[in-house]
């Protein structure tokens, strides 16, 4: 997965582009989203919210997916444990409903594993 910040709009808001190569020979899926995050929610929770946008500074890098909504909510549960809630609705373009039913959940699960590993790596340092 490749990614970059296309434009920073504020301290907690940016236009962000990332690509996914899920399975050859299918084309790369290009995502261009406006994302914003909040880290000062009650009880130490934080949230990340994304939705697709158009931007002149982002070249098309494959089939442009449409992120209708993507919301992450992370809340502490106990010492060194958190609960992650992810709600999303994405049109990957060119996929059948059967693909979403059988495979999209696995992609979401692997993304959650990467998020979990990012915290583990930071804690080990």
C-alpha atoms as a PDB file:
ATOM      1  CA  UNK A   1       0.000   0.000   0.000  1.00  0.00           C
ATOM      2  CA  UNK A   2       1.329   3.409  -0.958  1.00  0.00           C
ATOM      3  CA  UNK A   3       0.085   6.657   0.538  1.00  0.00           C
ATOM      4  CA  UNK A   4       0.698  10.392   0.692  1.00  0.00           C
ATOM      5  CA  UNK A   5      -0.768  13.592   2.072  1.00  0.00           C
ATOM      6  CA  UNK A   6      -1.976  15.631  -0.909  1.00  0.00           C
ATOM      7  CA  UNK A   7      -2.832  18.771   1.053  1.00  0.00           C
ATOM      8  CA  UNK A   8      -2.904  19.718   4.719  1.00  0.00           C
ATOM      9  CA  UNK A   9      -5.989  21.784   5.497  1.00  0.00           C
ATOM     10  CA  UNK A  10      -5.472  22.259   9.222  1.00  0.00           C
ATOM     11  CA  UNK A  11      -3.956  20.713  12.319  1.00  0.00           C
ATOM     12  CA  UNK A  12      -6.307  17.739  12.128  1.00  0.00           C
ATOM     13  CA  UNK A  13      -7.588  17.707   8.554  1.00  0.00           C
ATOM     14  CA  UNK A  14      -5.959  16.676   5.302  1.00  0.00           C
ATOM     15  CA  UNK A  15      -6.588  15.345   1.829  1.00  0.00           C
ATOM     16  CA  UNK A  16      -4.980  11.908   1.792  1.00  0.00           C
ATOM     17  CA  UNK A  17      -4.374   9.521  -1.108  1.00  0.00           C
ATOM     18  CA  UNK A  18      -3.625   5.824  -0.821  1.00  0.00           C
ATOM     19  CA  UNK A  19      -3.628   2.842  -3.142  1.00  0.00           C
ATOM     20  CA  UNK A  20      -4.339  -0.823  -2.569  1.00  0.00           C
ATOM     21  CA  UNK A  21      -3.189  -3.736  -4.680  1.00  0.00           C
ATOM     22  CA  UNK A  22      -5.433  -6.492  -3.396  1.00  0.00           C
ATOM     23  CA  UNK A  23      -5.087  -9.175  -6.021  1.00  0.00           C
ATOM     24  CA  UNK A  24      -3.350  -9.435  -9.397  1.00  0.00           C
ATOM     25  CA  UNK A  25      -4.374  -9.079 -12.209  1.00  0.00           C
ATOM     26  CA  UNK A  26      -7.030  -6.682 -10.895  1.00  0.00           C
ATOM     27  CA  UNK A  27      -6.153  -3.001 -11.211  1.00  0.00           C
ATOM     28  CA  UNK A  28      -4.908  -0.936  -8.309  1.00  0.00           C
ATOM     29  CA  UNK A  29      -7.644   0.756  -6.275  1.00  0.00           C
ATOM     30  CA  UNK A  30      -6.943   4.438  -5.725  1.00  0.00           C
ATOM     31  CA  UNK A  31      -8.541   6.211  -2.743  1.00  0.00           C
ATOM     32  CA  UNK A  32      -8.609   9.991  -2.338  1.00  0.00           C
ATOM     33  CA  UNK A  33     -10.205  11.057   0.925  1.00  0.00           C
ATOM     34  CA  UNK A  34     -10.715  14.036   3.153  1.00  0.00           C
ATOM     35  CA  UNK A  35      -9.830  12.822   6.622  1.00  0.00           C
ATOM     36  CA  UNK A  36     -10.042  14.480   9.981  1.00  0.00           C
ATOM     37  CA  UNK A  37      -9.372  13.225  13.470  1.00  0.00           C
ATOM     38  CA  UNK A  38     -10.178  14.176  17.029  1.00  0.00           C
ATOM     39  CA  UNK A  39      -8.019  13.083  19.964  1.00  0.00           C
ATOM     40  CA  UNK A  40      -9.593  14.979  22.841  1.00  0.00           C
ATOM     41  CA  UNK A  41     -12.874  13.105  23.237  1.00  0.00           C
ATOM     42  CA  UNK A  42     -14.222  12.181  26.688  1.00  0.00           C
ATOM     43  CA  UNK A  43     -12.610   9.244  28.513  1.00  0.00           C
ATOM     44  CA  UNK A  44      -9.491   9.380  26.310  1.00  0.00           C
ATOM     45  CA  UNK A  45     -11.245   8.260  23.125  1.00  0.00           C
ATOM     46  CA  UNK A  46     -10.251   9.364  19.627  1.00  0.00           C
ATOM     47  CA  UNK A  47     -11.902   9.257  16.207  1.00  0.00           C
ATOM     48  CA  UNK A  48     -10.893   9.340  12.538  1.00  0.00           C
ATOM     49  CA  UNK A  49     -13.465  10.193   9.864  1.00  0.00           C
ATOM     50  CA  UNK A  50     -12.927   9.916   6.078  1.00  0.00           C
ATOM     51  CA  UNK A  51     -14.937  10.473   2.911  1.00  0.00           C
ATOM     52  CA  UNK A  52     -13.973  10.633  -0.769  1.00  0.00           C
ATOM     53  CA  UNK A  53     -13.268  13.970  -2.420  1.00  0.00           C
ATOM     54  CA  UNK A  54     -11.952  15.294  -5.728  1.00  0.00           C
ATOM     55  CA  UNK A  55      -8.688  17.226  -5.751  1.00  0.00           C
ATOM     56  CA  UNK A  56      -6.698  18.692  -8.642  1.00  0.00           C
ATOM     57  CA  UNK A  57      -3.397  17.811  -6.961  1.00  0.00           C
ATOM     58  CA  UNK A  58      -4.011  14.055  -6.994  1.00  0.00           C
ATOM     59  CA  UNK A  59      -3.356  12.091 -10.158  1.00  0.00           C
ATOM     60  CA  UNK A  60      -5.437   8.986 -10.778  1.00  0.00           C
ATOM     61  CA  UNK A  61      -3.355   5.930  -9.810  1.00  0.00           C
ATOM     62  CA  UNK A  62      -5.728   3.159 -10.860  1.00  0.00           C
ATOM     63  CA  UNK A  63      -9.459   2.668 -10.450  1.00  0.00           C
ATOM     64  CA  UNK A  64     -10.742   5.412  -8.145  1.00  0.00           C
ATOM     65  CA  UNK A  65     -12.700   3.878  -5.273  1.00  0.00           C
ATOM     66  CA  UNK A  66     -15.477   5.828  -3.607  1.00  0.00           C
ATOM     67  CA  UNK A  67     -15.332   5.970   0.190  1.00  0.00           C
ATOM     68  CA  UNK A  68     -18.877   6.963   1.075  1.00  0.00           C
ATOM     69  CA  UNK A  69     -18.003   6.892   4.766  1.00  0.00           C
ATOM     70  CA  UNK A  70     -15.261   5.483   6.946  1.00  0.00           C
ATOM     71  CA  UNK A  71     -15.258   6.057  10.678  1.00  0.00           C
ATOM     72  CA  UNK A  72     -12.848   4.752  13.289  1.00  0.00           C
ATOM     73  CA  UNK A  73     -13.541   5.166  16.989  1.00  0.00           C
ATOM     74  CA  UNK A  74     -10.908   4.069  19.505  1.00  0.00           C
ATOM     75  CA  UNK A  75     -11.712   4.050  23.201  1.00  0.00           C
ATOM     76  CA  UNK A  76      -9.595   2.816  26.103  1.00  0.00           C
ATOM     77  CA  UNK A  77     -11.024  -0.204  27.955  1.00  0.00           C
ATOM     78  CA  UNK A  78      -8.367  -0.928  30.561  1.00  0.00           C
ATOM     79  CA  UNK A  79      -4.620  -0.730  31.003  1.00  0.00           C
ATOM     80  CA  UNK A  80      -2.940  -1.231  27.598  1.00  0.00           C
ATOM     81  CA  UNK A  81      -6.241  -2.250  25.954  1.00  0.00           C
ATOM     82  CA  UNK A  82      -8.553  -0.362  23.630  1.00  0.00           C
ATOM     83  CA  UNK A  83     -11.710  -1.062  21.684  1.00  0.00           C
ATOM     84  CA  UNK A  84     -11.718  -0.209  17.978  1.00  0.00           C
ATOM     85  CA  UNK A  85     -14.999   0.332  16.165  1.00  0.00           C
ATOM     86  CA  UNK A  86     -14.844   0.735  12.378  1.00  0.00           C
ATOM     87  CA  UNK A  87     -17.891   1.610  10.294  1.00  0.00           C
ATOM     88  CA  UNK A  88     -17.433   1.945   6.556  1.00  0.00           C
ATOM     89  CA  UNK A  89     -19.265   2.014   3.286  1.00  0.00           C
ATOM     90  CA  UNK A  90     -16.970   1.815   0.284  1.00  0.00           C
ATOM     91  CA  UNK A  91     -17.566   1.287  -3.429  1.00  0.00           C
ATOM     92  CA  UNK A  92     -14.367  -0.317  -4.737  1.00  0.00           C
ATOM     93  CA  UNK A  93     -15.687  -0.060  -8.314  1.00  0.00           C
ATOM     94  CA  UNK A  94     -15.919  -3.158 -10.461  1.00  0.00           C
ATOM     95  CA  UNK A  95     -16.770  -5.571  -7.639  1.00  0.00           C
ATOM     96  CA  UNK A  96     -19.877  -7.731  -7.371  1.00  0.00           C
ATOM     97  CA  UNK A  97     -21.960  -7.826  -4.181  1.00  0.00           C
ATOM     98  CA  UNK A  98     -20.727 -11.391  -3.661  1.00  0.00           C
ATOM     99  CA  UNK A  99     -17.141 -10.064  -3.415  1.00  0.00           C
ATOM    100  CA  UNK A 100     -18.134  -7.687  -0.611  1.00  0.00           C
ATOM    101  CA  UNK A 101     -19.940 -10.501   1.229  1.00  0.00           C
ATOM    102  CA  UNK A 102     -17.020 -12.940   0.962  1.00  0.00           C
ATOM    103  CA  UNK A 103     -13.833 -10.837   0.888  1.00  0.00           C
ATOM    104  CA  UNK A 104     -14.302  -7.257   2.075  1.00  0.00           C
ATOM    105  CA  UNK A 105     -14.497  -8.335   5.711  1.00  0.00           C
ATOM    106  CA  UNK A 106     -11.097 -10.015   5.371  1.00  0.00           C
ATOM    107  CA  UNK A 107      -9.590  -6.778   4.025  1.00  0.00           C
ATOM    108  CA  UNK A 108     -11.051  -4.865   6.968  1.00  0.00           C
ATOM    109  CA  UNK A 109      -9.658  -7.458   9.387  1.00  0.00           C
ATOM    110  CA  UNK A 110      -6.156  -7.181   7.905  1.00  0.00           C
ATOM    111  CA  UNK A 111      -6.380  -3.387   8.218  1.00  0.00           C
ATOM    112  CA  UNK A 112      -7.286  -3.730  11.904  1.00  0.00           C
ATOM    113  CA  UNK A 113      -4.257  -6.015  12.376  1.00  0.00           C
ATOM    114  CA  UNK A 114      -2.008  -3.328  10.823  1.00  0.00           C
ATOM    115  CA  UNK A 115      -3.488  -0.727  13.176  1.00  0.00           C
ATOM    116  CA  UNK A 116      -2.889  -3.011  16.143  1.00  0.00           C
ATOM    117  CA  UNK A 117       0.696  -3.689  15.062  1.00  0.00           C
ATOM    118  CA  UNK A 118       1.385   0.032  14.719  1.00  0.00           C
ATOM    119  CA  UNK A 119       0.627   0.494  18.423  1.00  0.00           C
ATOM    120  CA  UNK A 120       2.666  -2.576  19.412  1.00  0.00           C
ATOM    121  CA  UNK A 121       5.720  -1.347  17.517  1.00  0.00           C
ATOM    122  CA  UNK A 122       5.493   2.104  19.139  1.00  0.00           C
ATOM    123  CA  UNK A 123       5.204   0.584  22.609  1.00  0.00           C
ATOM    124  CA  UNK A 124       8.225  -1.691  22.079  1.00  0.00           C
ATOM    125  CA  UNK A 125      10.545   1.222  21.243  1.00  0.00           C
END
